[in-house]
Amino acid sequence: MTKARDLANIISGGFDATDIPNLDTAKITSGTLADARIPNLATSKITSGTFADARLPATALNSNVDLTTLSASNMTSGTLPDARFPATLPAVSGASLTNLPNTGITEADFWRLTANLTSNTNPIASNLERVDDASFAKIGTGMSVSSGYWSFPSTGLYEVTATMNSTGASADNHIIRIHVTTDNSNYDPVSNVVSASTDSQHEQASCFAFVNVTNTTNVKLFFEATSIGSGSIQGDTDVNYTWFKFIRLGDSQ
């Protein structure tokens, strides 16, 4: 090849690597190389410019961070960081939310005395039944009682209420007390109610307590009936004369 021909090839771009075997690429400062002239260019050499979308394979898009039109159906793994969620979430139907904690009442139970108490009883251990009227329903598992000692179905803060109806054959008063233990051994009286009556009068009175049930094995209670000199604390299997109510208000504290 003559020098004149070599120069013509360079001017027209018609040369290949064998034409200039030791050409320093830094010397190429203008012009355009044909695709065939860069068959094995390392990607690390590409330090500026932008590739057209058509030059990127579909599998390469999973590493992009500025995906403005990505379909949510394409997000099949991974976890969104908290910062990607807005402070105010968009409105959504509650029916679409699952596995949420139940923040309402999860336990509510109602028991009654089925026969009159005519003498002091400690604890009240017999003639007890869960209300069974057709209109009644409990929430949750409900309370259990054994020999007068009541166990809670789950931990939580419970409101416990005892209400009694009493009648006196003469001037008298009747008392119901709530006793609670936190160690399944030592019981403390935490609340009591007194009803006072004269001959053949009927009285109704209630007492209640908040019981913080942190352990269902250790925290229990019982009811005591005392100061019955005459008359009785009334009970009935069909009507709530003397009754005991248990409602879980929330988590234990």
C-alpha atoms as a PDB file:
ATOM      1  CA  MET A   1       0.000   0.000   0.000  1.00  0.00           C
ATOM      2  CA  THR A   2       1.411   3.361  -1.002  1.00  0.00           C
ATOM      3  CA  LYS A   3       1.639   6.339   1.364  1.00  0.00           C
ATOM      4  CA  ALA A   4      -0.881   8.143  -0.822  1.00  0.00           C
ATOM      5  CA  ARG A   5      -3.276   5.198  -0.488  1.00  0.00           C
ATOM      6  CA  ASP A   6      -2.715   5.029   3.285  1.00  0.00           C
ATOM      7  CA  LEU A   7      -3.607   8.686   3.622  1.00  0.00           C
ATOM      8  CA  ALA A   8      -6.707   8.193   1.481  1.00  0.00           C
ATOM      9  CA  ASN A   9      -7.853   5.351   3.715  1.00  0.00           C
ATOM     10  CA  ILE A  10      -7.402   7.462   6.838  1.00  0.00           C
ATOM     11  CA  ILE A  11      -9.308  10.388   5.324  1.00  0.00           C
ATOM     12  CA  SER A  12     -12.195   8.159   4.228  1.00  0.00           C
ATOM     13  CA  GLY A  13     -12.271   6.124   7.501  1.00  0.00           C
ATOM     14  CA  GLY A  14     -11.513   2.960   5.607  1.00  0.00           C
ATOM     15  CA  PHE A  15      -8.832   1.526   7.873  1.00  0.00           C
ATOM     16  CA  ASP A  16      -8.773  -1.131  10.517  1.00  0.00           C
ATOM     17  CA  ALA A  17      -6.592  -2.050  13.479  1.00  0.00           C
ATOM     18  CA  THR A  18      -3.973  -3.603  11.195  1.00  0.00           C
ATOM     19  CA  ASP A  19      -3.559  -0.309   9.328  1.00  0.00           C
ATOM     20  CA  ILE A  20      -2.403   1.534  12.478  1.00  0.00           C
ATOM     21  CA  PRO A  21      -1.363  -1.151  14.945  1.00  0.00           C
ATOM     22  CA  ASN A  22       0.136   1.195  17.541  1.00  0.00           C
ATOM     23  CA  LEU A  23      -2.270   4.132  17.367  1.00  0.00           C
ATOM     24  CA  ASP A  24      -2.722   5.833  20.755  1.00  0.00           C
ATOM     25  CA  THR A  25      -6.502   6.249  21.247  1.00  0.00           C
ATOM     26  CA  ALA A  26      -5.839   9.513  23.072  1.00  0.00           C
ATOM     27  CA  LYS A  27      -4.811  10.926  19.717  1.00  0.00           C
ATOM     28  CA  ILE A  28      -8.347  10.421  18.365  1.00  0.00           C
ATOM     29  CA  THR A  29      -9.998  13.709  19.316  1.00  0.00           C
ATOM     30  CA  SER A  30     -12.676  14.057  16.646  1.00  0.00           C
ATOM     31  CA  GLY A  31     -14.665  12.107  14.124  1.00  0.00           C
ATOM     32  CA  THR A  32     -16.712   8.931  14.522  1.00  0.00           C
ATOM     33  CA  LEU A  33     -15.523   5.372  14.583  1.00  0.00           C
ATOM     34  CA  ALA A  34     -17.685   2.802  12.870  1.00  0.00           C
ATOM     35  CA  ASP A  35     -19.275   0.144  15.168  1.00  0.00           C
ATOM     36  CA  ALA A  36     -17.041  -2.515  13.682  1.00  0.00           C
ATOM     37  CA  ARG A  37     -13.966  -0.581  14.822  1.00  0.00           C
ATOM     38  CA  ILE A  38     -14.907  -1.025  18.578  1.00  0.00           C
ATOM     39  CA  PRO A  39     -15.747  -4.713  18.891  1.00  0.00           C
ATOM     40  CA  ASN A  40     -14.523  -5.261  22.488  1.00  0.00           C
ATOM     41  CA  LEU A  41     -14.816  -1.918  24.265  1.00  0.00           C
ATOM     42  CA  ALA A  42     -14.923  -2.319  28.061  1.00  0.00           C
ATOM     43  CA  THR A  43     -17.931  -0.641  29.730  1.00  0.00           C
ATOM     44  CA  SER A  44     -15.545   0.939  32.253  1.00  0.00           C
ATOM     45  CA  LYS A  45     -14.341   3.138  29.377  1.00  0.00           C
ATOM     46  CA  ILE A  46     -17.813   4.724  29.049  1.00  0.00           C
ATOM     47  CA  THR A  47     -17.637   7.669  31.455  1.00  0.00           C
ATOM     48  CA  SER A  48     -20.227  10.074  30.017  1.00  0.00           C
ATOM     49  CA  GLY A  49     -23.240  10.243  27.745  1.00  0.00           C
ATOM     50  CA  THR A  50     -26.589   8.422  27.864  1.00  0.00           C
ATOM     51  CA  PHE A  51     -27.667   5.131  26.386  1.00  0.00           C
ATOM     52  CA  ALA A  52     -30.956   4.993  24.520  1.00  0.00           C
ATOM     53  CA  ASP A  53     -33.626   2.797  26.141  1.00  0.00           C
ATOM     54  CA  ALA A  54     -33.381   0.352  23.263  1.00  0.00           C
ATOM     55  CA  ARG A  55     -29.741  -0.288  24.175  1.00  0.00           C
ATOM     56  CA  LEU A  56     -30.666  -1.579  27.683  1.00  0.00           C
ATOM     57  CA  PRO A  57     -31.917  -5.151  28.083  1.00  0.00           C
ATOM     58  CA  ALA A  58     -35.102  -5.652  30.112  1.00  0.00           C
ATOM     59  CA  THR A  59     -33.128  -7.556  32.784  1.00  0.00           C
ATOM     60  CA  ALA A  60     -30.931  -4.511  33.442  1.00  0.00           C
ATOM     61  CA  LEU A  61     -33.795  -2.340  34.696  1.00  0.00           C
ATOM     62  CA  ASN A  62     -33.929  -3.928  38.154  1.00  0.00           C
ATOM     63  CA  SER A  63     -30.993  -1.813  39.327  1.00  0.00           C
ATOM     64  CA  ASN A  64     -32.295   1.596  38.269  1.00  0.00           C
ATOM     65  CA  VAL A  65     -33.320   3.987  41.066  1.00  0.00           C
ATOM     66  CA  ASP A  66     -35.281   6.560  39.061  1.00  0.00           C
ATOM     67  CA  LEU A  67     -38.090   4.389  37.714  1.00  0.00           C
ATOM     68  CA  THR A  68     -40.996   6.766  37.296  1.00  0.00           C
ATOM     69  CA  THR A  69     -43.372   4.466  35.451  1.00  0.00           C
ATOM     70  CA  LEU A  70     -42.583   1.117  37.048  1.00  0.00           C
ATOM     71  CA  SER A  71     -45.670  -1.051  37.458  1.00  0.00           C
ATOM     72  CA  ALA A  72     -46.216  -2.256  41.027  1.00  0.00           C
ATOM     73  CA  SER A  73     -46.897  -5.728  39.622  1.00  0.00           C
ATOM     74  CA  ASN A  74     -43.201  -5.931  38.701  1.00  0.00           C
ATOM     75  CA  MET A  75     -42.142  -5.573  42.343  1.00  0.00           C
ATOM     76  CA  THR A  76     -42.093  -9.229  43.367  1.00  0.00           C
ATOM     77  CA  SER A  77     -39.438  -9.176  46.111  1.00  0.00           C
ATOM     78  CA  GLY A  78     -37.548  -6.889  48.440  1.00  0.00           C
ATOM     79  CA  THR A  79     -38.744  -4.388  51.048  1.00  0.00           C
ATOM     80  CA  LEU A  80     -39.548  -0.716  50.639  1.00  0.00           C
ATOM     81  CA  PRO A  81     -37.715   1.489  53.174  1.00  0.00           C
ATOM     82  CA  ASP A  82     -39.871   3.490  55.583  1.00  0.00           C
ATOM     83  CA  ALA A  83     -38.796   6.719  53.894  1.00  0.00           C
ATOM     84  CA  ARG A  84     -40.670   5.678  50.752  1.00  0.00           C
ATOM     85  CA  PHE A  85     -44.023   5.833  52.559  1.00  0.00           C
ATOM     86  CA  PRO A  86     -45.773   9.207  52.837  1.00  0.00           C
ATOM     87  CA  ALA A  87     -46.463  10.589  56.322  1.00  0.00           C
ATOM     88  CA  THR A  88     -50.173  10.558  55.463  1.00  0.00           C
ATOM     89  CA  LEU A  89     -51.271   7.291  53.880  1.00  0.00           C
ATOM     90  CA  PRO A  90     -53.959   7.406  51.193  1.00  0.00           C
ATOM     91  CA  ALA A  91     -57.509   6.454  52.166  1.00  0.00           C
ATOM     92  CA  VAL A  92     -58.172   2.741  51.992  1.00  0.00           C
ATOM     93  CA  SER A  93     -61.150   0.566  52.839  1.00  0.00           C
ATOM     94  CA  GLY A  94     -60.853  -1.112  56.230  1.00  0.00           C
ATOM     95  CA  ALA A  95     -62.098  -4.315  54.599  1.00  0.00           C
ATOM     96  CA  SER A  96     -58.807  -4.453  52.682  1.00  0.00           C
ATOM     97  CA  LEU A  97     -56.648  -4.339  55.822  1.00  0.00           C
ATOM     98  CA  THR A  98     -55.810  -7.728  57.322  1.00  0.00           C
ATOM     99  CA  ASN A  99     -53.852  -8.988  60.327  1.00  0.00           C
ATOM    100  CA  LEU A 100     -54.344  -5.752  62.246  1.00  0.00           C
ATOM    101  CA  PRO A 101     -54.283  -5.932  66.058  1.00  0.00           C
ATOM    102  CA  ASN A 102     -57.720  -5.918  67.660  1.00  0.00           C
ATOM    103  CA  THR A 103     -57.880  -2.689  69.671  1.00  0.00           C
ATOM    104  CA  GLY A 104     -61.505  -3.162  70.727  1.00  0.00           C
ATOM    105  CA  ILE A 105     -63.028  -5.284  73.482  1.00  0.00           C
ATOM    106  CA  THR A 106     -61.778  -8.858  73.142  1.00  0.00           C
ATOM    107  CA  GLU A 107     -63.266 -10.330  76.325  1.00  0.00           C
ATOM    108  CA  ALA A 108     -66.670  -9.672  77.927  1.00  0.00           C
ATOM    109  CA  ASP A 109     -68.401 -12.144  80.236  1.00  0.00           C
ATOM    110  CA  PHE A 110     -71.421 -12.111  82.550  1.00  0.00           C
ATOM    111  CA  TRP A 111     -72.277 -14.543  85.396  1.00  0.00           C
ATOM    112  CA  ARG A 112     -75.016 -14.660  88.011  1.00  0.00           C
ATOM    113  CA  LEU A 113     -75.954 -16.190  91.349  1.00  0.00           C
ATOM    114  CA  THR A 114     -78.699 -18.776  90.853  1.00  0.00           C
ATOM    115  CA  ALA A 115     -79.908 -19.187  94.472  1.00  0.00           C
ATOM    116  CA  ASN A 116     -80.183 -17.007  97.592  1.00  0.00           C
ATOM    117  CA  LEU A 117     -77.302 -16.683 100.040  1.00  0.00           C
ATOM    118  CA  THR A 118     -78.638 -16.719 103.596  1.00  0.00           C
ATOM    119  CA  SER A 119     -75.329 -16.960 105.463  1.00  0.00           C
ATOM    120  CA  ASN A 120     -71.816 -15.612 105.130  1.00  0.00           C
ATOM    121  CA  THR A 121     -69.981 -17.333 102.280  1.00  0.00           C
ATOM    122  CA  ASN A 122     -66.264 -17.003 101.573  1.00  0.00           C
ATOM    123  CA  PRO A 123     -65.624 -17.536  98.748  1.00  0.00           C
ATOM    124  CA  ILE A 124     -68.867 -17.710  96.798  1.00  0.00           C
ATOM    125  CA  ALA A 125     -68.273 -21.084  95.162  1.00  0.00           C
ATOM    126  CA  SER A 126     -71.654 -22.586  94.294  1.00  0.00           C
ATOM    127  CA  ASN A 127     -74.875 -21.634  92.546  1.00  0.00           C
ATOM    128  CA  LEU A 128     -72.963 -19.745  89.849  1.00  0.00           C
ATOM    129  CA  GLU A 129     -73.719 -19.834  86.128  1.00  0.00           C
ATOM    130  CA  ARG A 130     -72.835 -17.902  83.020  1.00  0.00           C
ATOM    131  CA  VAL A 131     -75.907 -15.985  81.910  1.00  0.00           C
ATOM    132  CA  ASP A 132     -77.804 -18.196  79.447  1.00  0.00           C
ATOM    133  CA  ASP A 133     -80.674 -15.964  78.365  1.00  0.00           C
ATOM    134  CA  ALA A 134     -81.472 -16.125  74.653  1.00  0.00           C
ATOM    135  CA  SER A 135     -80.336 -12.513  74.184  1.00  0.00           C
ATOM    136  CA  PHE A 136     -76.913 -13.028  75.821  1.00  0.00           C
ATOM    137  CA  ALA A 137     -73.573 -13.619  74.156  1.00  0.00           C
ATOM    138  CA  LYS A 138     -70.069 -13.356  75.526  1.00  0.00           C
ATOM    139  CA  ILE A 139     -67.034 -12.017  73.699  1.00  0.00           C
ATOM    140  CA  GLY A 140     -63.873 -14.101  73.636  1.00  0.00           C
ATOM    141  CA  THR A 141     -63.092 -17.172  75.698  1.00  0.00           C
ATOM    142  CA  GLY A 142     -64.719 -15.922  78.884  1.00  0.00           C
ATOM    143  CA  MET A 143     -63.925 -16.419  82.562  1.00  0.00           C
ATOM    144  CA  SER A 144     -63.562 -19.746  84.344  1.00  0.00           C
ATOM    145  CA  VAL A 145     -64.228 -20.483  88.015  1.00  0.00           C
ATOM    146  CA  SER A 146     -63.128 -23.385  90.212  1.00  0.00           C
ATOM    147  CA  SER A 147     -64.162 -23.675  93.873  1.00  0.00           C
ATOM    148  CA  GLY A 148     -64.990 -19.978  93.844  1.00  0.00           C
ATOM    149  CA  TYR A 149     -61.619 -18.830  92.438  1.00  0.00           C
ATOM    150  CA  TRP A 150     -61.828 -17.043  89.092  1.00  0.00           C
ATOM    151  CA  SER A 151     -59.221 -17.249  86.322  1.00  0.00           C
ATOM    152  CA  PHE A 152     -58.842 -14.809  83.438  1.00  0.00           C
ATOM    153  CA  PRO A 153     -58.671 -16.054  79.825  1.00  0.00           C
ATOM    154  CA  SER A 154     -55.854 -13.694  78.790  1.00  0.00           C
ATOM    155  CA  THR A 155     -53.694 -10.898  80.097  1.00  0.00           C
ATOM    156  CA  GLY A 156     -55.053  -7.368  80.038  1.00  0.00           C
ATOM    157  CA  LEU A 157     -56.666  -4.674  82.142  1.00  0.00           C
ATOM    158  CA  TYR A 158     -60.108  -5.893  83.260  1.00  0.00           C
ATOM    159  CA  GLU A 159     -63.044  -4.103  84.795  1.00  0.00           C
ATOM    160  CA  VAL A 160     -64.721  -6.428  87.311  1.00  0.00           C
ATOM    161  CA  THR A 161     -68.156  -5.540  88.697  1.00  0.00           C
ATOM    162  CA  ALA A 162     -70.212  -7.245  91.410  1.00  0.00           C
ATOM    163  CA  THR A 163     -73.860  -6.219  91.819  1.00  0.00           C
ATOM    164  CA  MET A 164     -76.165  -7.647  94.465  1.00  0.00           C
ATOM    165  CA  ASN A 165     -79.828  -7.469  95.304  1.00  0.00           C
ATOM    166  CA  SER A 166     -80.589  -8.130  98.947  1.00  0.00           C
ATOM    167  CA  THR A 167     -83.610  -8.261 101.217  1.00  0.00           C
ATOM    168  CA  GLY A 168     -83.685  -7.978 105.000  1.00  0.00           C
ATOM    169  CA  ALA A 169     -86.017  -9.672 107.433  1.00  0.00           C
ATOM    170  CA  SER A 170     -85.097  -6.906 109.915  1.00  0.00           C
ATOM    171  CA  ALA A 171     -82.830  -3.889 109.937  1.00  0.00           C
ATOM    172  CA  ASP A 172     -79.601  -5.305 108.515  1.00  0.00           C
ATOM    173  CA  ASN A 173     -76.847  -4.799 105.938  1.00  0.00           C
ATOM    174  CA  HIS A 174     -75.215  -7.186 103.516  1.00  0.00           C
ATOM    175  CA  ILE A 175     -71.735  -6.974 101.985  1.00  0.00           C
ATOM    176  CA  ILE A 176     -70.035  -8.391  98.885  1.00  0.00           C
ATOM    177  CA  ARG A 177     -66.246  -7.990  98.565  1.00  0.00           C
ATOM    178  CA  ILE A 178     -63.828  -8.545  95.679  1.00  0.00           C
ATOM    179  CA  HIS A 179     -60.493 -10.143  96.632  1.00  0.00           C
ATOM    180  CA  VAL A 180     -57.544 -10.249  94.183  1.00  0.00           C
ATOM    181  CA  THR A 181     -54.179 -12.028  94.192  1.00  0.00           C
ATOM    182  CA  THR A 182     -51.160 -11.274  91.995  1.00  0.00           C
ATOM    183  CA  ASP A 183     -49.102 -14.270  93.153  1.00  0.00           C
ATOM    184  CA  ASN A 184     -51.777 -16.999  93.201  1.00  0.00           C
ATOM    185  CA  SER A 185     -51.500 -17.086  96.979  1.00  0.00           C
ATOM    186  CA  ASN A 186     -52.036 -13.877  98.925  1.00  0.00           C
ATOM    187  CA  TYR A 187     -55.410 -12.203  98.398  1.00  0.00           C
ATOM    188  CA  ASP A 188     -56.261  -8.577  99.151  1.00  0.00           C
ATOM    189  CA  PRO A 189     -59.778  -7.109  99.433  1.00  0.00           C
ATOM    190  CA  VAL A 190     -59.862  -4.422  96.747  1.00  0.00           C
ATOM    191  CA  SER A 191     -63.525  -3.384  96.663  1.00  0.00           C
ATOM    192  CA  ASN A 192     -66.755  -3.986  98.554  1.00  0.00           C
ATOM    193  CA  VAL A 193     -70.381  -2.888  98.545  1.00  0.00           C
ATOM    194  CA  VAL A 194     -72.802  -2.592 101.451  1.00  0.00           C
ATOM    195  CA  SER A 195     -76.560  -2.635 101.215  1.00  0.00           C
ATOM    196  CA  ALA A 196     -78.657  -1.530 104.179  1.00  0.00           C
ATOM    197  CA  SER A 197     -82.318  -2.387 104.553  1.00  0.00           C
ATOM    198  CA  THR A 198     -85.160  -2.601 107.021  1.00  0.00           C
ATOM    199  CA  ASP A 199     -87.913  -5.219 107.212  1.00  0.00           C
ATOM    200  CA  SER A 200     -88.799  -6.715 103.833  1.00  0.00           C
ATOM    201  CA  GLN A 201     -87.066  -4.001 101.837  1.00  0.00           C
ATOM    202  CA  HIS A 202     -85.053  -4.777  98.731  1.00  0.00           C
ATOM    203  CA  GLU A 203     -81.758  -3.019  98.027  1.00  0.00           C
ATOM    204  CA  GLN A 204     -79.395  -3.077  95.043  1.00  0.00           C
ATOM    205  CA  ALA A 205     -75.760  -1.978  95.163  1.00  0.00           C
ATOM    206  CA  SER A 206     -72.591  -2.476  93.116  1.00  0.00           C
ATOM    207  CA  CYS A 207     -68.833  -2.381  93.517  1.00  0.00           C
ATOM    208  CA  PHE A 208     -66.120  -2.681  90.902  1.00  0.00           C
ATOM    209  CA  ALA A 209     -62.341  -2.892  90.477  1.00  0.00           C
ATOM    210  CA  PHE A 210     -59.735  -2.606  87.737  1.00  0.00           C
ATOM    211  CA  VAL A 211     -57.589  -5.746  87.745  1.00  0.00           C
ATOM    212  CA  ASN A 212     -54.259  -5.600  85.918  1.00  0.00           C
ATOM    213  CA  VAL A 213     -53.805  -9.177  84.704  1.00  0.00           C
ATOM    214  CA  THR A 214     -50.128  -9.477  83.808  1.00  0.00           C
ATOM    215  CA  ASN A 215     -50.078 -13.262  84.263  1.00  0.00           C
ATOM    216  CA  THR A 216     -53.112 -15.523  83.973  1.00  0.00           C
ATOM    217  CA  THR A 217     -51.617 -18.110  86.342  1.00  0.00           C
ATOM    218  CA  ASN A 218     -50.877 -15.727  89.193  1.00  0.00           C
ATOM    219  CA  VAL A 219     -53.622 -13.105  88.936  1.00  0.00           C
ATOM    220  CA  LYS A 220     -56.994 -14.409  90.150  1.00  0.00           C
ATOM    221  CA  LEU A 221     -59.922 -13.275  92.298  1.00  0.00           C
ATOM    222  CA  PHE A 222     -62.855 -14.424  94.405  1.00  0.00           C
ATOM    223  CA  PHE A 223     -66.056 -12.882  95.762  1.00  0.00           C
ATOM    224  CA  GLU A 224     -67.045 -12.919  99.418  1.00  0.00           C
ATOM    225  CA  ALA A 225     -70.553 -12.494 100.879  1.00  0.00           C
ATOM    226  CA  THR A 226     -70.619 -11.388 104.500  1.00  0.00           C
ATOM    227  CA  SER A 227     -72.578  -9.531 107.195  1.00  0.00           C
ATOM    228  CA  ILE A 228     -75.679 -11.597 106.477  1.00  0.00           C
ATOM    229  CA  GLY A 229     -77.448 -11.621 109.855  1.00  0.00           C
ATOM    230  CA  SER A 230     -80.939 -11.978 108.469  1.00  0.00           C
ATOM    231  CA  GLY A 231     -82.580 -11.878 105.088  1.00  0.00           C
ATOM    232  CA  SER A 232     -80.540 -12.885 102.050  1.00  0.00           C
ATOM    233  CA  ILE A 233     -78.495 -11.903  99.005  1.00  0.00           C
ATOM    234  CA  GLN A 234     -80.804 -12.896  96.197  1.00  0.00           C
ATOM    235  CA  GLY A 235     -80.095 -15.226  93.317  1.00  0.00           C
ATOM    236  CA  ASP A 236     -82.168 -16.681  90.507  1.00  0.00           C
ATOM    237  CA  THR A 237     -81.452 -18.940  87.545  1.00  0.00           C
ATOM    238  CA  ASP A 238     -83.620 -16.906  85.170  1.00  0.00           C
ATOM    239  CA  VAL A 239     -83.067 -13.282  86.262  1.00  0.00           C
ATOM    240  CA  ASN A 240     -79.934 -11.273  87.092  1.00  0.00           C
ATOM    241  CA  TYR A 241     -80.500 -10.362  90.745  1.00  0.00           C
ATOM    242  CA  THR A 242     -76.894 -10.772  91.878  1.00  0.00           C
ATOM    243  CA  TRP A 243     -74.362 -10.846  89.101  1.00  0.00           C
ATOM    244  CA  PHE A 244     -70.684 -10.557  88.179  1.00  0.00           C
ATOM    245  CA  LYS A 245     -69.400  -8.774  85.067  1.00  0.00           C
ATOM    246  CA  PHE A 246     -65.925  -9.012  83.501  1.00  0.00           C
ATOM    247  CA  ILE A 247     -64.760  -6.765  80.622  1.00  0.00           C
ATOM    248  CA  ARG A 248     -61.236  -6.608  79.195  1.00  0.00           C
ATOM    249  CA  LEU A 249     -60.588  -2.909  78.537  1.00  0.00           C
ATOM    250  CA  GLY A 250     -57.159  -3.184  76.921  1.00  0.00           C
ATOM    251  CA  ASP A 251     -53.626  -4.497  77.327  1.00  0.00           C
ATOM    252  CA  SER A 252     -52.090  -5.057  80.751  1.00  0.00           C
ATOM    253  CA  GLN A 253     -49.965  -2.253  82.115  1.00  0.00           C
END
